[in-house]
């Protein structure tokens, strides 16, 4: 599994031409540049949801 999540389109304009972006101040490689709208954004996983979705069966 890769360390970087790869988005398929920009969440702002839906353009598909995305390029990795390096933050000059921090040197972080965890951002993406959309060449369509020029926005820079990150993809971050918040966690997994294992909520109990089974129906309660009463007899």
PDB file of N, CA and C in Angstrom:
ATOM      1  N   UNK A   1       0.840  -1.181   0.000  1.00  0.00           N
ATOM      2  CA  UNK A   1       0.000   0.000   0.000  1.00  0.00           C
ATOM      3  C   UNK A   1       0.882   1.241   0.000  1.00  0.00           C
ATOM      4  N   UNK A   2       0.492   2.199  -0.784  1.00  0.00           N
ATOM      5  CA  UNK A   2       1.262   3.430  -0.894  1.00  0.00           C
ATOM      6  C   UNK A   2       1.020   4.333   0.308  1.00  0.00           C
ATOM      7  N   UNK A   3       1.996   5.156   0.635  1.00  0.00           N
ATOM      8  CA  UNK A   3       1.851   6.090   1.742  1.00  0.00           C
ATOM      9  C   UNK A   3       0.970   7.273   1.362  1.00  0.00           C
ATOM     10  N   UNK A   4       0.771   7.510   0.085  1.00  0.00           N
ATOM     11  CA  UNK A   4       0.022   8.672  -0.375  1.00  0.00           C
ATOM     12  C   UNK A   4      -1.276   8.213  -1.044  1.00  0.00           C
ATOM     13  N   UNK A   5      -2.377   8.784  -0.610  1.00  0.00           N
ATOM     14  CA  UNK A   5      -3.652   8.505  -1.276  1.00  0.00           C
ATOM     15  C   UNK A   5      -3.686   9.318  -2.559  1.00  0.00           C
ATOM     16  N   UNK A   6      -4.047   8.697  -3.648  1.00  0.00           N
ATOM     17  CA  UNK A   6      -4.068   9.370  -4.933  1.00  0.00           C
ATOM     18  C   UNK A   6      -5.494   9.738  -5.321  1.00  0.00           C
ATOM     19  N   UNK A   7      -5.804  11.027  -5.358  1.00  0.00           N
ATOM     20  CA  UNK A   7      -7.144  11.422  -5.788  1.00  0.00           C
ATOM     21  C   UNK A   7      -7.259  11.313  -7.310  1.00  0.00           C
ATOM     22  N   UNK A   8      -8.455  11.054  -7.796  1.00  0.00           N
ATOM     23  CA  UNK A   8      -8.684  10.938  -9.233  1.00  0.00           C
ATOM     24  C   UNK A   8      -9.182  12.238  -9.847  1.00  0.00           C
ATOM     25  N   UNK A   9      -9.698  13.143  -9.015  1.00  0.00           N
ATOM     26  CA  UNK A   9     -10.185  14.427  -9.515  1.00  0.00           C
ATOM     27  C   UNK A   9     -10.140  15.457  -8.391  1.00  0.00           C
ATOM     28  N   UNK A  10     -10.162  16.720  -8.758  1.00  0.00           N
ATOM     29  CA  UNK A  10     -10.137  17.821  -7.801  1.00  0.00           C
ATOM     30  C   UNK A  10     -11.491  17.907  -7.092  1.00  0.00           C
ATOM     31  N   UNK A  11     -11.508  18.003  -5.765  1.00  0.00           N
ATOM     32  CA  UNK A  11     -12.781  18.101  -5.046  1.00  0.00           C
ATOM     33  C   UNK A  11     -13.466  19.457  -5.223  1.00  0.00           C
ATOM     34  N   UNK A  12     -12.792  20.429  -5.820  1.00  0.00           N
ATOM     35  CA  UNK A  12     -13.368  21.758  -6.006  1.00  0.00           C
ATOM     36  C   UNK A  12     -13.933  21.971  -7.404  1.00  0.00           C
ATOM     37  N   UNK A  13     -13.195  21.552  -8.435  1.00  0.00           N
ATOM     38  CA  UNK A  13     -13.634  21.815  -9.808  1.00  0.00           C
ATOM     39  C   UNK A  13     -13.806  20.549 -10.641  1.00  0.00           C
ATOM     40  N   UNK A  14     -13.452  19.392 -10.102  1.00  0.00           N
ATOM     41  CA  UNK A  14     -13.569  18.082 -10.754  1.00  0.00           C
ATOM     42  C   UNK A  14     -12.601  17.880 -11.918  1.00  0.00           C
ATOM     43  N   UNK A  15     -11.605  18.738 -12.057  1.00  0.00           N
ATOM     44  CA  UNK A  15     -10.588  18.541 -13.089  1.00  0.00           C
ATOM     45  C   UNK A  15      -9.751  17.315 -12.720  1.00  0.00           C
ATOM     46  N   UNK A  16      -9.243  16.613 -13.712  1.00  0.00           N
ATOM     47  CA  UNK A  16      -8.481  15.396 -13.470  1.00  0.00           C
ATOM     48  C   UNK A  16      -6.973  15.580 -13.601  1.00  0.00           C
ATOM     49  N   UNK A  17      -6.514  16.783 -13.915  1.00  0.00           N
ATOM     50  CA  UNK A  17      -5.084  17.036 -14.065  1.00  0.00           C
ATOM     51  C   UNK A  17      -4.510  17.482 -12.718  1.00  0.00           C
ATOM     52  N   UNK A  18      -4.107  16.508 -11.899  1.00  0.00           N
ATOM     53  CA  UNK A  18      -3.568  16.778 -10.566  1.00  0.00           C
ATOM     54  C   UNK A  18      -2.100  16.409 -10.529  1.00  0.00           C
ATOM     55  N   UNK A  19      -1.336  17.185  -9.773  1.00  0.00           N
ATOM     56  CA  UNK A  19       0.101  16.936  -9.649  1.00  0.00           C
ATOM     57  C   UNK A  19       0.514  17.021  -8.196  1.00  0.00           C
ATOM     58  N   UNK A  20       1.475  16.192  -7.777  1.00  0.00           N
ATOM     59  CA  UNK A  20       1.961  16.293  -6.392  1.00  0.00           C
ATOM     60  C   UNK A  20       2.516  17.691  -6.143  1.00  0.00           C
ATOM     61  N   UNK A  21       2.281  18.204  -4.935  1.00  0.00           N
ATOM     62  CA  UNK A  21       2.732  19.549  -4.570  1.00  0.00           C
ATOM     63  C   UNK A  21       3.588  19.465  -3.313  1.00  0.00           C
ATOM     64  N   UNK A  22       4.726  20.120  -3.327  1.00  0.00           N
ATOM     65  CA  UNK A  22       5.621  20.155  -2.175  1.00  0.00           C
ATOM     66  C   UNK A  22       5.500  21.519  -1.515  1.00  0.00           C
ATOM     67  N   UNK A  23       5.191  21.516  -0.220  1.00  0.00           N
ATOM     68  CA  UNK A  23       5.101  22.767   0.537  1.00  0.00           C
ATOM     69  C   UNK A  23       6.524  23.249   0.816  1.00  0.00           C
ATOM     70  N   UNK A  24       6.871  24.414   0.299  1.00  0.00           N
ATOM     71  CA  UNK A  24       8.236  24.934   0.439  1.00  0.00           C
ATOM     72  C   UNK A  24       8.603  25.226   1.896  1.00  0.00           C
ATOM     73  N   UNK A  25       7.621  25.649   2.696  1.00  0.00           N
ATOM     74  CA  UNK A  25       7.906  26.010   4.085  1.00  0.00           C
ATOM     75  C   UNK A  25       8.223  24.783   4.943  1.00  0.00           C
ATOM     76  N   UNK A  26       7.473  23.704   4.759  1.00  0.00           N
ATOM     77  CA  UNK A  26       7.651  22.526   5.604  1.00  0.00           C
ATOM     78  C   UNK A  26       8.338  21.367   4.897  1.00  0.00           C
ATOM     79  N   UNK A  27       8.362  21.388   3.574  1.00  0.00           N
ATOM     80  CA  UNK A  27       8.946  20.290   2.823  1.00  0.00           C
ATOM     81  C   UNK A  27       8.028  19.087   2.714  1.00  0.00           C
ATOM     82  N   UNK A  28       6.772  19.270   3.110  1.00  0.00           N
ATOM     83  CA  UNK A  28       5.796  18.179   3.095  1.00  0.00           C
ATOM     84  C   UNK A  28       5.379  17.836   1.666  1.00  0.00           C
ATOM     85  N   UNK A  29       5.255  16.544   1.380  1.00  0.00           N
ATOM     86  CA  UNK A  29       4.857  16.069   0.057  1.00  0.00           C
ATOM     87  C   UNK A  29       3.412  15.594   0.036  1.00  0.00           C
ATOM     88  N   UNK A  30       2.628  15.909   1.048  1.00  0.00           N
ATOM     89  CA  UNK A  30       1.288  15.342   1.205  1.00  0.00           C
ATOM     90  C   UNK A  30       0.194  16.220   0.617  1.00  0.00           C
ATOM     91  N   UNK A  31       0.461  16.930  -0.447  1.00  0.00           N
ATOM     92  CA  UNK A  31      -0.542  17.811  -1.029  1.00  0.00           C
ATOM     93  C   UNK A  31      -0.614  17.602  -2.541  1.00  0.00           C
ATOM     94  N   UNK A  32      -1.712  18.054  -3.122  1.00  0.00           N
ATOM     95  CA  UNK A  32      -1.946  17.941  -4.562  1.00  0.00           C
ATOM     96  C   UNK A  32      -2.302  19.306  -5.126  1.00  0.00           C
ATOM     97  N   UNK A  33      -1.790  19.595  -6.319  1.00  0.00           N
ATOM     98  CA  UNK A  33      -2.078  20.831  -7.038  1.00  0.00           C
ATOM     99  C   UNK A  33      -3.003  20.510  -8.198  1.00  0.00           C
ATOM    100  N   UNK A  34      -4.131  21.214  -8.272  1.00  0.00           N
ATOM    101  CA  UNK A  34      -5.035  21.080  -9.411  1.00  0.00           C
ATOM    102  C   UNK A  34      -4.615  22.124 -10.437  1.00  0.00           C
ATOM    103  N   UNK A  35      -4.308  21.686 -11.646  1.00  0.00           N
ATOM    104  CA  UNK A  35      -3.876  22.638 -12.674  1.00  0.00           C
ATOM    105  C   UNK A  35      -5.061  23.394 -13.274  1.00  0.00           C
ATOM    106  N   UNK A  36      -6.283  22.926 -13.027  1.00  0.00           N
ATOM    107  CA  UNK A  36      -7.467  23.605 -13.547  1.00  0.00           C
ATOM    108  C   UNK A  36      -7.818  24.847 -12.755  1.00  0.00           C
ATOM    109  N   UNK A  37      -7.930  24.701 -11.423  1.00  0.00           N
ATOM    110  CA  UNK A  37      -8.343  25.836 -10.590  1.00  0.00           C
ATOM    111  C   UNK A  37      -7.200  26.378  -9.730  1.00  0.00           C
ATOM    112  N   UNK A  38      -6.018  25.752  -9.811  1.00  0.00           N
ATOM    113  CA  UNK A  38      -4.796  26.154  -9.104  1.00  0.00           C
ATOM    114  C   UNK A  38      -4.897  26.002  -7.589  1.00  0.00           C
ATOM    115  N   UNK A  39      -5.880  25.246  -7.096  1.00  0.00           N
ATOM    116  CA  UNK A  39      -5.989  25.018  -5.660  1.00  0.00           C
ATOM    117  C   UNK A  39      -5.049  23.886  -5.252  1.00  0.00           C
ATOM    118  N   UNK A  40      -4.549  23.988  -4.029  1.00  0.00           N
ATOM    119  CA  UNK A  40      -3.712  22.954  -3.437  1.00  0.00           C
ATOM    120  C   UNK A  40      -4.511  22.357  -2.282  1.00  0.00           C
ATOM    121  N   UNK A  41      -4.597  21.024  -2.251  1.00  0.00           N
ATOM    122  CA  UNK A  41      -5.390  20.371  -1.209  1.00  0.00           C
ATOM    123  C   UNK A  41      -4.708  19.088  -0.765  1.00  0.00           C
ATOM    124  N   UNK A  42      -5.174  18.555   0.366  1.00  0.00           N
ATOM    125  CA  UNK A  42      -4.654  17.305   0.908  1.00  0.00           C
ATOM    126  C   UNK A  42      -5.771  16.286   1.017  1.00  0.00           C
ATOM    127  N   UNK A  43      -5.390  15.014   0.972  1.00  0.00           N
ATOM    128  CA  UNK A  43      -6.315  13.913   1.198  1.00  0.00           C
ATOM    129  C   UNK A  43      -5.896  13.281   2.519  1.00  0.00           C
ATOM    130  N   UNK A  44      -6.828  13.219   3.468  1.00  0.00           N
ATOM    131  CA  UNK A  44      -6.489  12.697   4.788  1.00  0.00           C
ATOM    132  C   UNK A  44      -7.523  11.655   5.211  1.00  0.00           C
ATOM    133  N   UNK A  45      -7.039  10.508   5.627  1.00  0.00           N
ATOM    134  CA  UNK A  45      -7.926   9.478   6.142  1.00  0.00           C
ATOM    135  C   UNK A  45      -8.207   9.757   7.612  1.00  0.00           C
ATOM    136  N   UNK A  46      -9.482   9.767   7.969  1.00  0.00           N
ATOM    137  CA  UNK A  46      -9.862  10.046   9.348  1.00  0.00           C
ATOM    138  C   UNK A  46      -9.991   8.780  10.185  1.00  0.00           C
ATOM    139  N   UNK A  47     -10.270   7.655   9.551  1.00  0.00           N
ATOM    140  CA  UNK A  47     -10.400   6.403  10.295  1.00  0.00           C
ATOM    141  C   UNK A  47     -11.398   5.486   9.625  1.00  0.00           C
ATOM    142  N   UNK A  48     -11.733   4.408  10.313  1.00  0.00           N
ATOM    143  CA  UNK A  48     -12.694   3.442   9.818  1.00  0.00           C
ATOM    144  C   UNK A  48     -13.934   3.476  10.703  1.00  0.00           C
ATOM    145  N   UNK A  49     -15.087   3.241  10.100  1.00  0.00           N
ATOM    146  CA  UNK A  49     -16.334   3.235  10.840  1.00  0.00           C
ATOM    147  C   UNK A  49     -16.847   1.803  10.898  1.00  0.00           C
ATOM    148  N   UNK A  50     -16.834   1.213  12.082  1.00  0.00           N
ATOM    149  CA  UNK A  50     -17.331  -0.138  12.269  1.00  0.00           C
ATOM    150  C   UNK A  50     -18.625  -0.126  13.076  1.00  0.00           C
ATOM    151  N   UNK A  51     -19.496   0.811  12.768  1.00  0.00           N
ATOM    152  CA  UNK A  51     -20.770   0.900  13.478  1.00  0.00           C
ATOM    153  C   UNK A  51     -21.572  -0.378  13.259  1.00  0.00           C
ATOM    154  N   UNK A  52     -22.301  -0.798  14.276  1.00  0.00           N
ATOM    155  CA  UNK A  52     -23.117  -1.998  14.180  1.00  0.00           C
ATOM    156  C   UNK A  52     -24.361  -1.674  13.364  1.00  0.00           C
ATOM    157  N   UNK A  53     -24.415  -2.175  12.144  1.00  0.00           N
ATOM    158  CA  UNK A  53     -25.533  -1.862  11.249  1.00  0.00           C
ATOM    159  C   UNK A  53     -26.525  -3.013  11.141  1.00  0.00           C
ATOM    160  N   UNK A  54     -26.332  -4.074  11.917  1.00  0.00           N
ATOM    161  CA  UNK A  54     -27.263  -5.191  11.887  1.00  0.00           C
ATOM    162  C   UNK A  54     -28.578  -4.804  12.548  1.00  0.00           C
ATOM    163  N   UNK A  55     -29.663  -5.311  12.001  1.00  0.00           N
ATOM    164  CA  UNK A  55     -30.981  -5.044  12.583  1.00  0.00           C
ATOM    165  C   UNK A  55     -31.171  -5.896  13.820  1.00  0.00           C
ATOM    166  N   UNK A  56     -31.860  -5.349  14.787  1.00  0.00           N
ATOM    167  CA  UNK A  56     -32.160  -6.084  16.004  1.00  0.00           C
ATOM    168  C   UNK A  56     -33.368  -6.963  15.725  1.00  0.00           C
ATOM    169  N   UNK A  57     -33.228  -8.262  15.911  1.00  0.00           N
ATOM    170  CA  UNK A  57     -34.315  -9.205  15.662  1.00  0.00           C
ATOM    171  C   UNK A  57     -34.955  -9.547  17.000  1.00  0.00           C
ATOM    172  N   UNK A  58     -36.223  -9.247  17.117  1.00  0.00           N
ATOM    173  CA  UNK A  58     -36.947  -9.556  18.356  1.00  0.00           C
ATOM    174  C   UNK A  58     -37.934 -10.667  18.099  1.00  0.00           C
ATOM    175  N   UNK A  59     -38.028 -11.594  19.045  1.00  0.00           N
ATOM    176  CA  UNK A  59     -38.987 -12.696  18.859  1.00  0.00           C
ATOM    177  C   UNK A  59     -40.206 -12.555  19.743  1.00  0.00           C
TER     178      UNK A  59
END
